[in-house]
Amino acid sequence: MIMLLVFGCKGAASVDQPAMNLPFHPLQSERDLDALIDQIGEKKIVLLGEASHGTMEYYRWRAEISKRLIQEKGFDMIAVEGEWADSYRVNQFVKGSLRDSLSTLTLLKQYDRWPTWMWGNYEVAGLVSWLNQYNQNKAEPAKVGFYGLDVYCLWESMQELMPYIQGNDSLMQMAEEVRKCFQPFSSDPIQYAYAVRNASQDCKAQTQRLYNAVMNYTASSSGESAFLMQQNAMVALNGEKYYHAAATSNATSWNIRDRHMATTVKRLLDHHGSASKMVIWAHNTHVGDARYTDMAAAGMVNLGQLVRQFYGPEQVYIVGFGSYSGKVTAADAWGGTIRTMRVPKAKKGSWEDILHGSGPYNKLLFSNELRQTPPLLTSIGHRAIGVQYNPAAESGNYVPTIIPNRYDAFLYFDTTTALTPIPITGKKEPPDTYPSGY
């Protein structure tokens, strides 16, 4: 069977929390973000994490940070751990004419691939409506965009590509070859992954040929249409690679996914010009630098690491999120029913337990201050909750982490509440977080 990626807590230290004297700042209102906005300064990329895909506070505070970065620091796009095709429709919506909140909710129902609540929720709806209103007084080049970084929607991207290649017989023939190759799997990449594993199918040659042809065709073009053609062809190419690898190797498929995200970040920034700045929303497991977790020993990289390496730490700022206890929106099985679940108190000696022990209230912490506390420069268990969650078996959901090196800042919420989903009828397709849950 295709395995699920699980991070363990092996090798993580248990820190004596009473000995800790953590430097932190209060986090009660959006004005408490002043110090964070000041420390971000003139960074080009800010990555905002989350310890689960179903916690309201993570979404709410990421939205507040994003708004301030847009208004005060000139950030001109938000990129999320979501589908390219669906998110580009959100981009068109926020840059379009003024719309009401009902239109926003209807728009977000297009995120109909399980787990639908990741982007189909009322907290995201509030941000999308705000972006639409904010853009009304902006000239087209200055409007703030919204994009998806992920690799899953290869079928949707093939559909999005088709209008741009009408009339080009060569590209149409190549696209038809790709379509025929994937057709037996009824738009289900998991079926394709099993077929690859069993050596009954491989569409690598067809997607590579189409990608190469699209890149050659658009090589001398720099407009939006050429960019969209290239991006959709790249999603098809890397989506095939991802599902091909998912049949046999968790680490390889993870790396394909995060390298695709990093490439998309660079493409978007290049496309929007040298002055462009990006806010990224994704799980802590993607934004927190993998070199300071047990992911590195498993041969894995992630988005935060890759953008730090490419742009340099002086241009990148990473913010982690976490909580001690509360409630979360998740499911107890893949493709399962959305539920509100209890998040138990954090494991003894974990990062979240240490933060709770230093005072049961919300906190903002900066890594340059945390480095003055030597025990934090060792590996400590740090909670990560996926879309599939079992609170009774929660002890394995801790990633060994050197906190001050993995992040530049950390937002801690002592007690959290569950995200509010928009009711959506999901597609019978593999989840957006397949196979890791993050």
Protein backbone atom coordinates (compact mmCIF):
# COMPACT_ATOMS: atom_id res chain seq x y z
CA MET A 1 0.00 0.00 0.00
CA ILE A 2 1.03 3.65 -0.32
CA MET A 3 2.43 4.70 3.02
CA LEU A 4 1.48 7.73 5.08
CA LEU A 5 4.33 9.98 6.12
CA VAL A 6 4.61 10.19 9.90
CA PHE A 7 7.08 12.31 11.85
CA GLY A 8 8.17 10.78 15.12
CA CYS A 9 9.53 12.14 18.34
CA LYS A 10 12.57 9.88 18.51
CA GLY A 11 15.63 11.77 19.61
CA ALA A 12 13.73 14.79 20.93
CA ALA A 13 14.88 16.06 24.27
CA SER A 14 12.60 16.44 27.28
CA VAL A 15 13.38 19.84 28.71
CA ASP A 16 12.93 20.68 32.38
CA GLN A 17 10.43 23.48 32.02
CA PRO A 18 10.67 24.89 35.57
CA ALA A 19 14.30 25.81 34.77
CA MET A 20 13.19 27.87 31.78
CA ASN A 21 13.10 31.65 31.80
CA LEU A 22 11.66 32.34 28.37
CA PRO A 23 11.83 35.81 26.86
CA PHE A 24 8.45 36.55 25.32
CA HIS A 25 6.07 39.35 24.39
CA PRO A 26 2.31 39.50 25.09
CA LEU A 27 -0.07 38.55 22.30
CA GLN A 28 -3.56 39.82 23.02
CA SER A 29 -4.47 42.22 20.21
CA GLU A 30 -3.26 43.01 16.71
CA ARG A 31 -1.26 45.95 18.10
CA ASP A 32 0.92 43.36 19.85
CA LEU A 33 2.13 42.46 16.35
CA ASP A 34 4.03 45.76 16.13
CA ALA A 35 7.28 44.16 17.26
CA LEU A 36 6.88 41.34 14.72
CA ILE A 37 6.19 43.74 11.84
CA ASP A 38 9.22 45.82 12.89
CA GLN A 39 11.48 42.76 13.00
CA ILE A 40 10.30 41.57 9.59
CA GLY A 41 11.50 44.91 8.27
CA GLU A 42 12.13 44.86 4.54
CA LYS A 43 12.16 41.08 4.05
CA LYS A 44 10.96 39.84 0.67
CA ILE A 45 9.30 36.59 1.76
CA VAL A 46 7.41 35.94 5.00
CA LEU A 47 6.27 32.38 5.68
CA LEU A 48 3.41 31.94 8.16
CA GLY A 49 2.94 28.44 9.53
CA GLU A 50 0.29 26.54 11.44
CA ALA A 51 0.42 23.51 13.70
CA SER A 52 -2.80 22.16 12.18
CA HIS A 53 -5.02 22.81 9.17
CA GLY A 54 -8.06 23.22 11.42
CA THR A 55 -7.36 25.86 14.07
CA MET A 56 -9.18 29.20 13.91
CA GLU A 57 -6.49 31.21 15.72
CA TYR A 58 -3.81 30.27 13.21
CA TYR A 59 -5.93 31.48 10.30
CA ARG A 60 -7.12 34.61 12.07
CA TRP A 61 -3.68 35.77 13.15
CA ARG A 62 -2.09 34.91 9.82
CA ALA A 63 -4.74 37.09 8.22
CA GLU A 64 -3.97 39.99 10.57
CA ILE A 65 -0.24 39.69 9.92
CA SER A 66 -0.82 39.48 6.17
CA LYS A 67 -3.03 42.59 6.15
CA ARG A 68 -0.41 44.60 7.98
CA LEU A 69 2.38 43.41 5.71
CA ILE A 70 0.29 44.41 2.69
CA GLN A 71 -0.63 47.81 4.10
CA GLU A 72 2.62 48.73 5.83
CA LYS A 73 5.35 46.81 4.01
CA GLY A 74 4.15 46.68 0.42
CA PHE A 75 3.58 42.92 0.12
CA ASP A 76 1.69 42.28 -3.09
CA MET A 77 0.68 38.63 -2.98
CA ILE A 78 -0.38 35.80 -0.69
CA ALA A 79 0.53 32.24 -1.73
CA VAL A 80 -1.00 29.27 0.07
CA GLU A 81 -0.62 25.52 0.44
CA GLY A 82 -3.48 25.02 -1.98
CA GLU A 83 -4.34 24.10 -5.54
CA TRP A 84 -3.00 26.31 -8.34
CA ALA A 85 -6.14 26.27 -10.52
CA ASP A 86 -8.66 26.88 -7.71
CA SER A 87 -6.49 29.55 -6.12
CA TYR A 88 -5.99 31.37 -9.39
CA ARG A 89 -9.75 31.81 -9.57
CA VAL A 90 -9.54 33.42 -6.12
CA ASN A 91 -6.80 35.66 -7.53
CA GLN A 92 -9.12 36.78 -10.32
CA PHE A 93 -11.90 37.36 -7.78
CA VAL A 94 -9.87 39.55 -5.42
CA LYS A 95 -8.54 41.60 -8.35
CA GLY A 96 -11.98 42.00 -9.91
CA SER A 97 -14.95 44.24 -9.21
CA LEU A 98 -16.32 44.68 -5.70
CA ARG A 99 -18.21 41.57 -4.58
CA ASP A 100 -20.35 40.76 -1.56
CA SER A 101 -19.70 38.17 1.15
CA LEU A 102 -22.14 35.68 -0.37
CA SER A 103 -20.13 35.72 -3.60
CA THR A 104 -17.00 35.02 -1.57
CA LEU A 105 -18.55 31.97 0.08
CA THR A 106 -19.71 30.67 -3.30
CA LEU A 107 -16.22 31.15 -4.68
CA LEU A 108 -14.55 29.21 -1.86
CA LYS A 109 -16.84 26.23 -2.39
CA GLN A 110 -14.68 25.45 -5.42
CA TYR A 111 -12.10 24.11 -2.96
CA ASP A 112 -14.01 20.84 -3.13
CA ARG A 113 -11.15 18.37 -2.85
CA TRP A 114 -10.92 16.82 0.62
CA PRO A 115 -9.96 18.31 3.09
CA THR A 116 -12.34 21.01 1.93
CA TRP A 117 -12.05 22.98 5.17
CA MET A 118 -8.42 23.97 4.55
CA TRP A 119 -9.41 26.87 2.28
CA GLY A 120 -13.19 26.56 2.27
CA ASN A 121 -13.74 28.20 5.65
CA TYR A 122 -15.14 31.43 7.05
CA GLU A 123 -11.77 32.74 8.23
CA VAL A 124 -10.36 32.57 4.68
CA ALA A 125 -13.60 34.07 3.39
CA GLY A 126 -13.01 37.11 5.57
CA LEU A 127 -9.52 37.56 4.16
CA VAL A 128 -10.65 37.10 0.55
CA SER A 129 -13.39 39.70 1.00
CA TRP A 130 -10.88 42.08 2.57
CA LEU A 131 -8.48 41.63 -0.36
CA ASN A 132 -11.28 42.26 -2.85
CA GLN A 133 -12.19 45.50 -1.06
CA TYR A 134 -8.57 46.57 -0.62
CA ASN A 135 -7.87 46.17 -4.34
CA GLN A 136 -10.75 48.42 -5.43
CA ASN A 137 -8.66 51.58 -5.09
CA LYS A 138 -5.56 50.08 -6.68
CA ALA A 139 -4.37 50.21 -10.26
CA GLU A 140 -4.11 46.77 -11.88
CA PRO A 141 -0.33 46.33 -11.39
CA ALA A 142 -0.64 47.27 -7.72
CA LYS A 143 -3.47 44.87 -6.84
CA VAL A 144 -2.64 42.19 -4.29
CA GLY A 145 -2.84 38.64 -5.65
CA PHE A 146 -3.74 35.23 -4.23
CA TYR A 147 -2.09 32.06 -5.53
CA GLY A 148 -1.79 28.34 -4.82
CA LEU A 149 1.57 26.63 -4.56
CA ASP A 150 0.63 22.96 -4.53
CA VAL A 151 1.05 20.17 -7.06
CA TYR A 152 -2.03 17.98 -6.77
CA CYS A 153 -4.44 19.31 -9.40
CA LEU A 154 -2.84 17.94 -12.56
CA TRP A 155 -6.24 17.21 -14.17
CA GLU A 156 -7.52 20.70 -13.43
CA SER A 157 -4.32 22.25 -14.76
CA MET A 158 -4.61 20.30 -17.98
CA GLN A 159 -8.15 21.68 -18.35
CA GLU A 160 -6.92 25.21 -17.64
CA LEU A 161 -4.17 24.83 -20.25
CA MET A 162 -6.48 23.84 -23.11
CA PRO A 163 -7.95 27.28 -24.00
CA TYR A 164 -4.44 28.72 -24.42
CA ILE A 165 -3.30 26.14 -26.95
CA GLN A 166 -6.39 26.11 -29.18
CA GLY A 167 -5.28 26.45 -32.78
CA ASN A 168 -1.81 25.05 -32.16
CA ASP A 169 -2.08 21.56 -33.63
CA SER A 170 1.22 20.33 -32.24
CA LEU A 171 0.46 21.36 -28.64
CA MET A 172 -3.11 20.10 -28.92
CA GLN A 173 -1.87 16.70 -30.06
CA MET A 174 0.57 16.49 -27.13
CA ALA A 175 -2.14 17.53 -24.67
CA GLU A 176 -4.45 14.88 -26.13
CA GLU A 177 -1.72 12.26 -25.60
CA VAL A 178 -1.49 13.30 -21.94
CA ARG A 179 -5.26 13.16 -21.57
CA LYS A 180 -5.48 9.68 -23.12
CA CYS A 181 -2.67 8.43 -20.92
CA PHE A 182 -4.44 9.51 -17.73
CA GLN A 183 -7.97 8.74 -18.93
CA PRO A 184 -8.13 5.18 -17.53
CA PHE A 185 -7.80 6.51 -14.00
CA SER A 186 -11.00 8.61 -13.99
CA SER A 187 -9.24 11.72 -12.68
CA ASP A 188 -7.94 9.82 -9.66
CA PRO A 189 -4.17 10.17 -9.23
CA ILE A 190 -4.11 7.53 -6.49
CA GLN A 191 -5.27 5.00 -9.06
CA TYR A 192 -2.45 6.23 -11.26
CA ALA A 193 0.05 5.83 -8.42
CA TYR A 194 -1.01 2.21 -7.94
CA ALA A 195 -0.77 1.59 -11.68
CA VAL A 196 2.77 2.98 -11.74
CA ARG A 197 3.76 0.80 -8.83
CA ASN A 198 2.36 -2.23 -10.66
CA ALA A 199 4.13 -1.14 -13.90
CA SER A 200 0.85 -1.00 -15.84
CA GLN A 201 1.04 2.70 -16.68
CA ASP A 202 3.52 5.59 -16.87
CA CYS A 203 2.66 9.02 -18.29
CA LYS A 204 6.03 10.59 -17.60
CA ALA A 205 7.10 10.85 -21.25
CA GLN A 206 3.84 12.48 -22.33
CA THR A 207 3.80 15.15 -19.58
CA GLN A 208 7.50 15.90 -20.08
CA ARG A 209 7.05 16.29 -23.84
CA LEU A 210 4.10 18.65 -23.36
CA TYR A 211 5.94 20.71 -20.74
CA ASN A 212 9.01 21.09 -22.96
CA ALA A 213 6.87 22.14 -25.91
CA VAL A 214 4.93 24.72 -23.87
CA MET A 215 8.15 26.19 -22.48
CA ASN A 216 9.64 26.45 -25.98
CA TYR A 217 6.43 27.96 -27.37
CA THR A 218 6.33 30.66 -24.66
CA ALA A 219 10.08 31.25 -24.38
CA SER A 220 9.94 34.72 -25.93
CA SER A 221 6.74 35.77 -24.11
CA SER A 222 6.44 37.43 -20.71
CA GLY A 223 2.72 38.14 -20.33
CA GLU A 224 0.11 36.60 -18.05
CA SER A 225 -1.09 34.09 -20.66
CA ALA A 226 2.40 32.70 -21.19
CA PHE A 227 2.94 32.50 -17.43
CA LEU A 228 -0.32 30.58 -16.95
CA MET A 229 0.50 28.17 -19.77
CA GLN A 230 3.88 27.44 -18.24
CA GLN A 231 2.51 27.06 -14.71
CA ASN A 232 -0.29 24.70 -15.67
CA ALA A 233 2.10 22.59 -17.74
CA MET A 234 4.49 22.49 -14.78
CA VAL A 235 1.71 21.37 -12.41
CA ALA A 236 0.88 18.52 -14.81
CA LEU A 237 4.55 17.57 -15.08
CA ASN A 238 5.32 17.68 -11.37
CA GLY A 239 1.94 16.21 -10.43
CA GLU A 240 2.79 13.13 -12.49
CA LYS A 241 6.21 12.96 -10.83
CA TYR A 242 4.65 13.35 -7.40
CA TYR A 243 2.14 10.52 -7.76
CA HIS A 244 4.74 8.37 -9.50
CA ALA A 245 7.03 8.76 -6.47
CA ALA A 246 4.23 8.47 -3.89
CA ALA A 247 3.80 4.82 -4.85
CA THR A 248 7.24 3.93 -3.57
CA SER A 249 8.90 6.71 -1.54
CA ASN A 250 7.47 9.15 0.99
CA ALA A 251 10.66 11.21 1.13
CA THR A 252 10.96 11.51 -2.65
CA SER A 253 7.32 12.50 -3.13
CA TRP A 254 7.55 15.02 -0.28
CA ASN A 255 10.63 16.58 -1.86
CA ILE A 256 8.98 16.80 -5.29
CA ARG A 257 6.03 18.58 -3.71
CA ASP A 258 8.05 21.12 -1.72
CA ARG A 259 10.49 21.77 -4.56
CA HIS A 260 7.48 22.46 -6.77
CA MET A 261 6.20 24.94 -4.18
CA ALA A 262 9.59 26.64 -4.02
CA THR A 263 9.81 26.84 -7.81
CA THR A 264 6.33 28.36 -7.94
CA VAL A 265 7.36 30.96 -5.34
CA LYS A 266 10.31 31.98 -7.50
CA ARG A 267 8.23 32.02 -10.69
CA LEU A 268 5.60 34.26 -9.08
CA LEU A 269 8.16 36.68 -7.68
CA ASP A 270 10.02 36.85 -10.98
CA HIS A 271 6.77 37.35 -12.87
CA HIS A 272 5.70 40.25 -10.66
CA GLY A 273 9.03 42.04 -10.78
CA SER A 274 12.05 42.63 -8.59
CA ALA A 275 10.14 44.75 -6.04
CA SER A 276 7.48 42.09 -5.38
CA LYS A 277 7.02 40.58 -1.92
CA MET A 278 5.16 37.44 -0.88
CA VAL A 279 3.38 36.12 2.21
CA ILE A 280 3.15 32.32 2.30
CA TRP A 281 0.61 30.31 4.30
CA ALA A 282 1.42 26.63 4.89
CA HIS A 283 1.77 24.05 7.65
CA ASN A 284 4.73 24.33 10.01
CA THR A 285 6.12 21.16 8.45
CA HIS A 286 6.49 23.07 5.18
CA VAL A 287 7.54 26.53 6.36
CA GLY A 288 9.80 25.67 9.31
CA ASP A 289 13.33 25.00 8.03
CA ALA A 290 13.64 21.20 7.69
CA ARG A 291 17.37 21.27 8.42
CA TYR A 292 16.55 21.78 12.10
CA THR A 293 14.18 18.81 12.41
CA ASP A 294 14.43 15.03 11.97
CA MET A 295 13.26 15.53 8.38
CA ALA A 296 16.85 16.25 7.39
CA ALA A 297 18.03 12.83 8.56
CA ALA A 298 15.31 11.26 6.41
CA GLY A 299 16.67 13.06 3.33
CA MET A 300 13.79 15.51 3.16
CA VAL A 301 13.76 19.20 2.33
CA ASN A 302 10.94 21.70 2.66
CA LEU A 303 9.73 25.05 1.41
CA GLY A 304 11.16 27.13 4.25
CA GLN A 305 14.60 25.60 3.83
CA LEU A 306 14.59 26.02 0.06
CA VAL A 307 13.59 29.69 0.04
CA ARG A 308 16.11 30.46 2.79
CA GLN A 309 18.83 28.80 0.74
CA PHE A 310 17.88 30.49 -2.51
CA TYR A 311 17.10 34.02 -1.34
CA GLY A 312 19.28 34.08 1.76
CA PRO A 313 18.10 34.39 5.38
CA GLU A 314 18.36 38.19 5.14
CA GLN A 315 15.40 38.13 2.69
CA VAL A 316 13.27 35.45 4.38
CA TYR A 317 11.35 35.46 7.66
CA ILE A 318 9.66 32.33 9.04
CA VAL A 319 6.92 32.39 11.70
CA GLY A 320 5.83 29.20 13.44
CA PHE A 321 2.54 28.65 15.28
CA GLY A 322 1.48 26.31 18.07
CA SER A 323 -0.85 25.73 21.02
CA TYR A 324 -1.11 23.79 24.26
CA SER A 325 -4.70 22.48 24.11
CA GLY A 326 -8.15 23.24 22.73
CA LYS A 327 -10.15 22.06 19.73
CA VAL A 328 -9.40 21.44 16.06
CA THR A 329 -11.29 20.71 12.85
CA ALA A 330 -10.06 17.41 11.38
CA ALA A 331 -11.23 13.92 10.39
CA ASP A 332 -10.50 10.54 11.91
CA ALA A 333 -9.96 8.85 8.54
CA TRP A 334 -8.82 9.79 5.04
CA GLY A 335 -11.73 11.33 3.17
CA GLY A 336 -13.76 11.16 6.37
CA THR A 337 -16.41 13.40 7.84
CA ILE A 338 -15.32 16.77 9.18
CA ARG A 339 -15.34 16.79 12.96
CA THR A 340 -14.51 19.12 15.82
CA MET A 341 -11.99 17.27 17.97
CA ARG A 342 -10.42 17.89 21.32
CA VAL A 343 -6.70 18.68 21.32
CA PRO A 344 -5.26 17.23 24.54
CA LYS A 345 -2.72 18.99 26.68
CA ALA A 346 0.71 18.97 25.06
CA LYS A 347 3.14 16.18 25.78
CA LYS A 348 5.32 16.67 28.84
CA GLY A 349 8.64 18.32 27.95
CA SER A 350 7.47 19.39 24.50
CA TRP A 351 7.85 22.93 23.15
CA GLU A 352 4.17 23.60 23.73
CA ASP A 353 4.38 22.26 27.29
CA ILE A 354 7.34 24.55 28.00
CA LEU A 355 5.41 27.55 26.71
CA HIS A 356 2.39 26.67 28.82
CA GLY A 357 4.63 26.22 31.85
CA SER A 358 6.00 29.72 31.45
CA GLY A 359 2.46 31.10 31.78
CA PRO A 360 -0.96 29.98 30.47
CA TYR A 361 -1.49 32.86 28.05
CA ASN A 362 -0.73 33.74 24.44
CA LYS A 363 2.82 34.75 23.56
CA LEU A 364 4.97 36.13 20.76
CA LEU A 365 8.56 34.88 20.83
CA PHE A 366 11.58 35.86 18.76
CA SER A 367 14.35 33.42 17.91
CA ASN A 368 17.14 35.97 18.37
CA GLU A 369 16.00 36.22 22.01
CA LEU A 370 15.37 32.48 22.45
CA ARG A 371 18.95 31.68 21.45
CA GLN A 372 20.04 33.11 24.78
CA THR A 373 18.38 30.07 26.43
CA PRO A 374 20.84 27.16 25.81
CA PRO A 375 18.35 24.27 26.36
CA LEU A 376 16.35 25.52 23.38
CA LEU A 377 19.33 24.96 21.10
CA THR A 378 18.74 21.22 21.46
CA SER A 379 16.08 19.14 19.71
CA ILE A 380 12.67 19.37 21.44
CA GLY A 381 9.38 17.73 20.48
CA HIS A 382 7.08 20.20 18.67
CA ARG A 383 3.45 19.23 17.92
CA ALA A 384 2.19 18.84 14.34
CA ILE A 385 -1.45 17.90 13.69
CA GLY A 386 -2.54 16.70 10.25
CA VAL A 387 -5.96 16.61 8.60
CA GLN A 388 -6.37 13.03 9.82
CA TYR A 389 -6.16 13.12 13.60
CA ASN A 390 -6.69 10.82 16.54
CA PRO A 391 -6.36 12.65 19.87
CA ALA A 392 -6.02 9.34 21.70
CA ALA A 393 -2.86 8.51 19.71
CA GLU A 394 -1.48 12.03 19.78
CA SER A 395 1.87 11.22 21.38
CA GLY A 396 3.43 10.48 17.98
CA ASN A 397 2.56 13.88 16.51
CA TYR A 398 5.75 15.63 17.65
CA VAL A 399 8.57 16.71 15.34
CA PRO A 400 12.01 16.97 16.99
CA THR A 401 12.95 20.60 16.42
CA ILE A 402 15.63 23.15 17.26
CA ILE A 403 13.09 25.92 17.64
CA PRO A 404 15.26 29.08 17.35
CA ASN A 405 16.82 27.82 14.12
CA ARG A 406 13.70 26.41 12.51
CA TYR A 407 11.79 29.71 12.86
CA ASP A 408 12.52 33.42 13.21
CA ALA A 409 9.49 33.99 15.43
CA PHE A 410 6.74 31.95 17.06
CA LEU A 411 3.11 32.69 17.93
CA TYR A 412 1.79 30.60 20.82
CA PHE A 413 -1.87 30.23 21.79
CA ASP A 414 -2.53 28.52 25.08
CA THR A 415 -6.06 27.37 24.18
CA THR A 416 -7.39 27.24 20.64
CA THR A 417 -10.73 26.82 18.90
CA ALA A 418 -11.74 24.88 15.81
CA LEU A 419 -11.86 26.37 12.33
CA THR A 420 -15.34 27.04 10.91
CA PRO A 421 -15.80 25.17 7.58
CA ILE A 422 -18.04 26.28 4.75
CA PRO A 423 -20.38 23.35 3.94
CA ILE A 424 -18.98 21.83 0.73
CA THR A 425 -19.68 18.59 -1.07
CA GLY A 426 -16.22 17.18 -1.71
CA LYS A 427 -14.94 15.45 -4.83
CA LYS A 428 -14.07 11.77 -4.70
CA GLU A 429 -10.43 12.53 -5.31
CA PRO A 430 -7.23 12.20 -3.30
CA PRO A 431 -6.80 14.78 -0.53
CA ASP A 432 -4.78 17.95 -0.95
CA THR A 433 -2.43 16.74 1.77
CA TYR A 434 -1.92 13.22 0.37
CA PRO A 435 -0.07 11.18 1.56
CA SER A 436 1.41 13.06 4.52
CA GLY A 437 -1.59 14.80 6.04
CA TYR A 438 0.35 18.10 6.15
